Amino acid sequence: MSAAKKAGNTADKVKGKVKETAGHAVGNERLEAEGHADQAKGDLKQAGEHVKDALED
């Protein structure tokens, strides 16, 4: 996995955590849900990269 893709996936996860925390703090369930979705998106992308790496070896 390239460092740029890994950083992008991590950025998605961090952005999601920030949204989730902010949504929880202000009582905004939609923002909190978006945060969960962003984190899941980052995890899914990272898992896909790991699969590609495994197939290349």
PDB file of N, CA and C in Angstrom:
ATOM      1  N   MET A   1       0.858  -1.161   0.000  1.00  0.00           N
ATOM      2  CA  MET A   1       0.000   0.000   0.000  1.00  0.00           C
ATOM      3  C   MET A   1       0.902   1.220   0.000  1.00  0.00           C
ATOM      4  N   SER A   2       0.584   2.160  -0.867  1.00  0.00           N
ATOM      5  CA  SER A   2       1.396   3.365  -0.928  1.00  0.00           C
ATOM      6  C   SER A   2       1.146   4.241   0.292  1.00  0.00           C
ATOM      7  N   ALA A   3       2.136   5.022   0.622  1.00  0.00           N
ATOM      8  CA  ALA A   3       2.031   5.902   1.790  1.00  0.00           C
ATOM      9  C   ALA A   3       0.930   6.941   1.592  1.00  0.00           C
ATOM     10  N   ALA A   4       0.747   7.403   0.376  1.00  0.00           N
ATOM     11  CA  ALA A   4      -0.284   8.409   0.106  1.00  0.00           C
ATOM     12  C   ALA A   4      -1.685   7.840   0.330  1.00  0.00           C
ATOM     13  N   LYS A   5      -1.910   6.617  -0.121  1.00  0.00           N
ATOM     14  CA  LYS A   5      -3.225   6.000   0.069  1.00  0.00           C
ATOM     15  C   LYS A   5      -3.466   5.700   1.540  1.00  0.00           C
ATOM     16  N   LYS A   6      -2.420   5.250   2.228  1.00  0.00           N
ATOM     17  CA  LYS A   6      -2.552   4.964   3.650  1.00  0.00           C
ATOM     18  C   LYS A   6      -2.889   6.241   4.410  1.00  0.00           C
ATOM     19  N   ALA A   7      -2.236   7.338   4.056  1.00  0.00           N
ATOM     20  CA  ALA A   7      -2.504   8.619   4.704  1.00  0.00           C
ATOM     21  C   ALA A   7      -3.927   9.085   4.405  1.00  0.00           C
ATOM     22  N   GLY A   8      -4.379   8.886   3.186  1.00  0.00           N
ATOM     23  CA  GLY A   8      -5.742   9.268   2.823  1.00  0.00           C
ATOM     24  C   GLY A   8      -6.788   8.470   3.585  1.00  0.00           C
ATOM     25  N   ASN A   9      -6.535   7.185   3.735  1.00  0.00           N
ATOM     26  CA  ASN A   9      -7.459   6.336   4.483  1.00  0.00           C
ATOM     27  C   ASN A   9      -7.485   6.745   5.950  1.00  0.00           C
ATOM     28  N   THR A  10      -6.333   7.037   6.499  1.00  0.00           N
ATOM     29  CA  THR A  10      -6.251   7.479   7.888  1.00  0.00           C
ATOM     30  C   THR A  10      -6.945   8.821   8.051  1.00  0.00           C
ATOM     31  N   ALA A  11      -6.802   9.690   7.059  1.00  0.00           N
ATOM     32  CA  ALA A  11      -7.468  10.999   7.108  1.00  0.00           C
ATOM     33  C   ALA A  11      -8.985  10.833   7.135  1.00  0.00           C
ATOM     34  N   ASP A  12      -9.511   9.889   6.354  1.00  0.00           N
ATOM     35  CA  ASP A  12     -10.954   9.620   6.372  1.00  0.00           C
ATOM     36  C   ASP A  12     -11.399   9.176   7.763  1.00  0.00           C
ATOM     37  N   LYS A  13     -10.600   8.308   8.377  1.00  0.00           N
ATOM     38  CA  LYS A  13     -10.952   7.816   9.703  1.00  0.00           C
ATOM     39  C   LYS A  13     -10.905   8.938  10.744  1.00  0.00           C
ATOM     40  N   VAL A  14      -9.901   9.789  10.664  1.00  0.00           N
ATOM     41  CA  VAL A  14      -9.774  10.902  11.617  1.00  0.00           C
ATOM     42  C   VAL A  14     -10.909  11.900  11.414  1.00  0.00           C
ATOM     43  N   LYS A  15     -11.195  12.215  10.161  1.00  0.00           N
ATOM     44  CA  LYS A  15     -12.286  13.143   9.858  1.00  0.00           C
ATOM     45  C   LYS A  15     -13.595  12.593  10.409  1.00  0.00           C
ATOM     46  N   GLY A  16     -13.790  11.303  10.266  1.00  0.00           N
ATOM     47  CA  GLY A  16     -14.997  10.669  10.785  1.00  0.00           C
ATOM     48  C   GLY A  16     -15.084  10.755  12.292  1.00  0.00           C
ATOM     49  N   LYS A  17     -13.968  10.542  12.962  1.00  0.00           N
ATOM     50  CA  LYS A  17     -13.957  10.602  14.420  1.00  0.00           C
ATOM     51  C   LYS A  17     -14.260  12.020  14.895  1.00  0.00           C
ATOM     52  N   VAL A  18     -13.732  13.017  14.208  1.00  0.00           N
ATOM     53  CA  VAL A  18     -13.999  14.416  14.567  1.00  0.00           C
ATOM     54  C   VAL A  18     -15.483  14.728  14.386  1.00  0.00           C
ATOM     55  N   LYS A  19     -16.053  14.303  13.265  1.00  0.00           N
ATOM     56  CA  LYS A  19     -17.480  14.535  13.025  1.00  0.00           C
ATOM     57  C   LYS A  19     -18.329  13.834  14.073  1.00  0.00           C
ATOM     58  N   GLU A  20     -17.978  12.600  14.373  1.00  0.00           N
ATOM     59  CA  GLU A  20     -18.736  11.834  15.350  1.00  0.00           C
ATOM     60  C   GLU A  20     -18.702  12.527  16.713  1.00  0.00           C
ATOM     61  N   THR A  21     -17.531  12.951  17.137  1.00  0.00           N
ATOM     62  CA  THR A  21     -17.375  13.609  18.431  1.00  0.00           C
ATOM     63  C   THR A  21     -18.126  14.935  18.468  1.00  0.00           C
ATOM     64  N   ALA A  22     -18.014  15.713  17.393  1.00  0.00           N
ATOM     65  CA  ALA A  22     -18.708  16.996  17.332  1.00  0.00           C
ATOM     66  C   ALA A  22     -20.220  16.784  17.343  1.00  0.00           C
ATOM     67  N   GLY A  23     -20.680  15.821  16.586  1.00  0.00           N
ATOM     68  CA  GLY A  23     -22.110  15.530  16.557  1.00  0.00           C
ATOM     69  C   GLY A  23     -22.630  15.102  17.909  1.00  0.00           C
ATOM     70  N   HIS A  24     -21.860  14.291  18.597  1.00  0.00           N
ATOM     71  CA  HIS A  24     -22.259  13.843  19.932  1.00  0.00           C
ATOM     72  C   HIS A  24     -22.278  15.018  20.909  1.00  0.00           C
ATOM     73  N   ALA A  25     -21.290  15.894  20.799  1.00  0.00           N
ATOM     74  CA  ALA A  25     -21.179  17.022  21.724  1.00  0.00           C
ATOM     75  C   ALA A  25     -22.349  17.998  21.598  1.00  0.00           C
ATOM     76  N   VAL A  26     -22.826  18.202  20.378  1.00  0.00           N
ATOM     77  CA  VAL A  26     -23.911  19.172  20.174  1.00  0.00           C
ATOM     78  C   VAL A  26     -25.273  18.494  20.042  1.00  0.00           C
ATOM     79  N   GLY A  27     -25.299  17.170  20.122  1.00  0.00           N
ATOM     80  CA  GLY A  27     -26.567  16.456  20.031  1.00  0.00           C
ATOM     81  C   GLY A  27     -27.105  16.339  18.617  1.00  0.00           C
ATOM     82  N   ASN A  28     -26.214  16.379  17.628  1.00  0.00           N
ATOM     83  CA  ASN A  28     -26.623  16.281  16.227  1.00  0.00           C
ATOM     84  C   ASN A  28     -26.410  14.843  15.756  1.00  0.00           C
ATOM     85  N   GLU A  29     -27.496  14.073  15.713  1.00  0.00           N
ATOM     86  CA  GLU A  29     -27.391  12.658  15.350  1.00  0.00           C
ATOM     87  C   GLU A  29     -26.948  12.452  13.904  1.00  0.00           C
ATOM     88  N   ARG A  30     -27.341  13.350  13.010  1.00  0.00           N
ATOM     89  CA  ARG A  30     -26.960  13.214  11.599  1.00  0.00           C
ATOM     90  C   ARG A  30     -25.446  13.363  11.446  1.00  0.00           C
ATOM     91  N   LEU A  31     -24.868  14.353  12.117  1.00  0.00           N
ATOM     92  CA  LEU A  31     -23.423  14.561  12.045  1.00  0.00           C
ATOM     93  C   LEU A  31     -22.678  13.385  12.666  1.00  0.00           C
ATOM     94  N   GLU A  32     -23.214  12.877  13.745  1.00  0.00           N
ATOM     95  CA  GLU A  32     -22.617  11.716  14.396  1.00  0.00           C
ATOM     96  C   GLU A  32     -22.640  10.507  13.458  1.00  0.00           C
ATOM     97  N   ALA A  33     -23.743  10.310  12.764  1.00  0.00           N
ATOM     98  CA  ALA A  33     -23.863   9.197  11.811  1.00  0.00           C
ATOM     99  C   ALA A  33     -22.908   9.373  10.635  1.00  0.00           C
ATOM    100  N   GLU A  34     -22.754  10.609  10.160  1.00  0.00           N
ATOM    101  CA  GLU A  34     -21.800  10.868   9.077  1.00  0.00           C
ATOM    102  C   GLU A  34     -20.386  10.508   9.524  1.00  0.00           C
ATOM    103  N   GLY A  35     -20.085  10.799  10.773  1.00  0.00           N
ATOM    104  CA  GLY A  35     -18.772  10.453  11.314  1.00  0.00           C
ATOM    105  C   GLY A  35     -18.538   8.963  11.315  1.00  0.00           C
ATOM    106  N   HIS A  36     -19.551   8.212  11.719  1.00  0.00           N
ATOM    107  CA  HIS A  36     -19.441   6.747  11.684  1.00  0.00           C
ATOM    108  C   HIS A  36     -19.223   6.272  10.251  1.00  0.00           C
ATOM    109  N   ALA A  37     -19.945   6.861   9.317  1.00  0.00           N
ATOM    110  CA  ALA A  37     -19.833   6.462   7.910  1.00  0.00           C
ATOM    111  C   ALA A  37     -18.439   6.772   7.361  1.00  0.00           C
ATOM    112  N   ASP A  38     -17.900   7.926   7.692  1.00  0.00           N
ATOM    113  CA  ASP A  38     -16.556   8.280   7.225  1.00  0.00           C
ATOM    114  C   ASP A  38     -15.507   7.319   7.775  1.00  0.00           C
ATOM    115  N   GLN A  39     -15.659   6.939   9.026  1.00  0.00           N
ATOM    116  CA  GLN A  39     -14.716   5.990   9.621  1.00  0.00           C
ATOM    117  C   GLN A  39     -14.810   4.636   8.926  1.00  0.00           C
ATOM    118  N   ALA A  40     -16.022   4.206   8.657  1.00  0.00           N
ATOM    119  CA  ALA A  40     -16.219   2.928   7.971  1.00  0.00           C
ATOM    120  C   ALA A  40     -15.638   2.979   6.563  1.00  0.00           C
ATOM    121  N   LYS A  41     -15.794   4.110   5.900  1.00  0.00           N
ATOM    122  CA  LYS A  41     -15.250   4.283   4.550  1.00  0.00           C
ATOM    123  C   LYS A  41     -13.730   4.151   4.581  1.00  0.00           C
ATOM    124  N   GLY A  42     -13.089   4.782   5.548  1.00  0.00           N
ATOM    125  CA  GLY A  42     -11.638   4.673   5.669  1.00  0.00           C
ATOM    126  C   GLY A  42     -11.200   3.250   5.946  1.00  0.00           C
ATOM    127  N   ASP A  43     -11.924   2.560   6.821  1.00  0.00           N
ATOM    128  CA  ASP A  43     -11.605   1.162   7.127  1.00  0.00           C
ATOM    129  C   ASP A  43     -11.764   0.276   5.897  1.00  0.00           C
ATOM    130  N   LEU A  44     -12.839   0.495   5.149  1.00  0.00           N
ATOM    131  CA  LEU A  44     -13.100  -0.309   3.964  1.00  0.00           C
ATOM    132  C   LEU A  44     -12.030  -0.091   2.896  1.00  0.00           C
ATOM    133  N   LYS A  45     -11.650   1.157   2.677  1.00  0.00           N
ATOM    134  CA  LYS A  45     -10.596   1.453   1.703  1.00  0.00           C
ATOM    135  C   LYS A  45      -9.284   0.783   2.109  1.00  0.00           C
ATOM    136  N   GLN A  46      -8.977   0.868   3.395  1.00  0.00           N
ATOM    137  CA  GLN A  46      -7.742   0.285   3.876  1.00  0.00           C
ATOM    138  C   GLN A  46      -7.764  -1.234   3.716  1.00  0.00           C
ATOM    139  N   ALA A  47      -8.889  -1.855   3.991  1.00  0.00           N
ATOM    140  CA  ALA A  47      -9.017  -3.298   3.814  1.00  0.00           C
ATOM    141  C   ALA A  47      -8.828  -3.678   2.350  1.00  0.00           C
ATOM    142  N   GLY A  48      -9.387  -2.878   1.451  1.00  0.00           N
ATOM    143  CA  GLY A  48      -9.218  -3.130   0.019  1.00  0.00           C
ATOM    144  C   GLY A  48      -7.764  -3.045  -0.400  1.00  0.00           C
ATOM    145  N   GLU A  49      -7.040  -2.095   0.153  1.00  0.00           N
ATOM    146  CA  GLU A  49      -5.623  -1.962  -0.157  1.00  0.00           C
ATOM    147  C   GLU A  49      -4.836  -3.170   0.358  1.00  0.00           C
ATOM    148  N   HIS A  50      -5.209  -3.661   1.530  1.00  0.00           N
ATOM    149  CA  HIS A  50      -4.531  -4.841   2.069  1.00  0.00           C
ATOM    150  C   HIS A  50      -4.775  -6.062   1.186  1.00  0.00           C
ATOM    151  N   VAL A  51      -5.969  -6.191   0.662  1.00  0.00           N
ATOM    152  CA  VAL A  51      -6.292  -7.309  -0.244  1.00  0.00           C
ATOM    153  C   VAL A  51      -5.451  -7.199  -1.510  1.00  0.00           C
ATOM    154  N   LYS A  52      -5.382  -6.001  -2.071  1.00  0.00           N
ATOM    155  CA  LYS A  52      -4.578  -5.810  -3.282  1.00  0.00           C
ATOM    156  C   LYS A  52      -3.116  -6.136  -3.025  1.00  0.00           C
ATOM    157  N   ASP A  53      -2.607  -5.701  -1.859  1.00  0.00           N
ATOM    158  CA  ASP A  53      -1.217  -5.995  -1.517  1.00  0.00           C
ATOM    159  C   ASP A  53      -0.988  -7.501  -1.400  1.00  0.00           C
ATOM    160  N   ALA A  54      -1.932  -8.202  -0.788  1.00  0.00           N
ATOM    161  CA  ALA A  54      -1.796  -9.648  -0.610  1.00  0.00           C
ATOM    162  C   ALA A  54      -1.808 -10.374  -1.953  1.00  0.00           C
ATOM    163  N   LEU A  55      -2.609  -9.896  -2.880  1.00  0.00           N
ATOM    164  CA  LEU A  55      -2.698 -10.538  -4.195  1.00  0.00           C
ATOM    165  C   LEU A  55      -1.442 -10.288  -5.032  1.00  0.00           C
ATOM    166  N   GLU A  56      -0.773  -9.169  -4.788  1.00  0.00           N
ATOM    167  CA  GLU A  56       0.419  -8.838  -5.545  1.00  0.00           C
ATOM    168  C   GLU A  56       1.620  -9.659  -5.110  1.00  0.00           C
ATOM    169  N   ASP A  57       1.622 -10.131  -3.884  1.00  0.00           N
ATOM    170  CA  ASP A  57       2.772 -10.886  -3.363  1.00  0.00           C
ATOM    171  C   ASP A  57       2.819 -12.280  -3.863  1.00  0.00           C
TER     172      ASP A  57
END
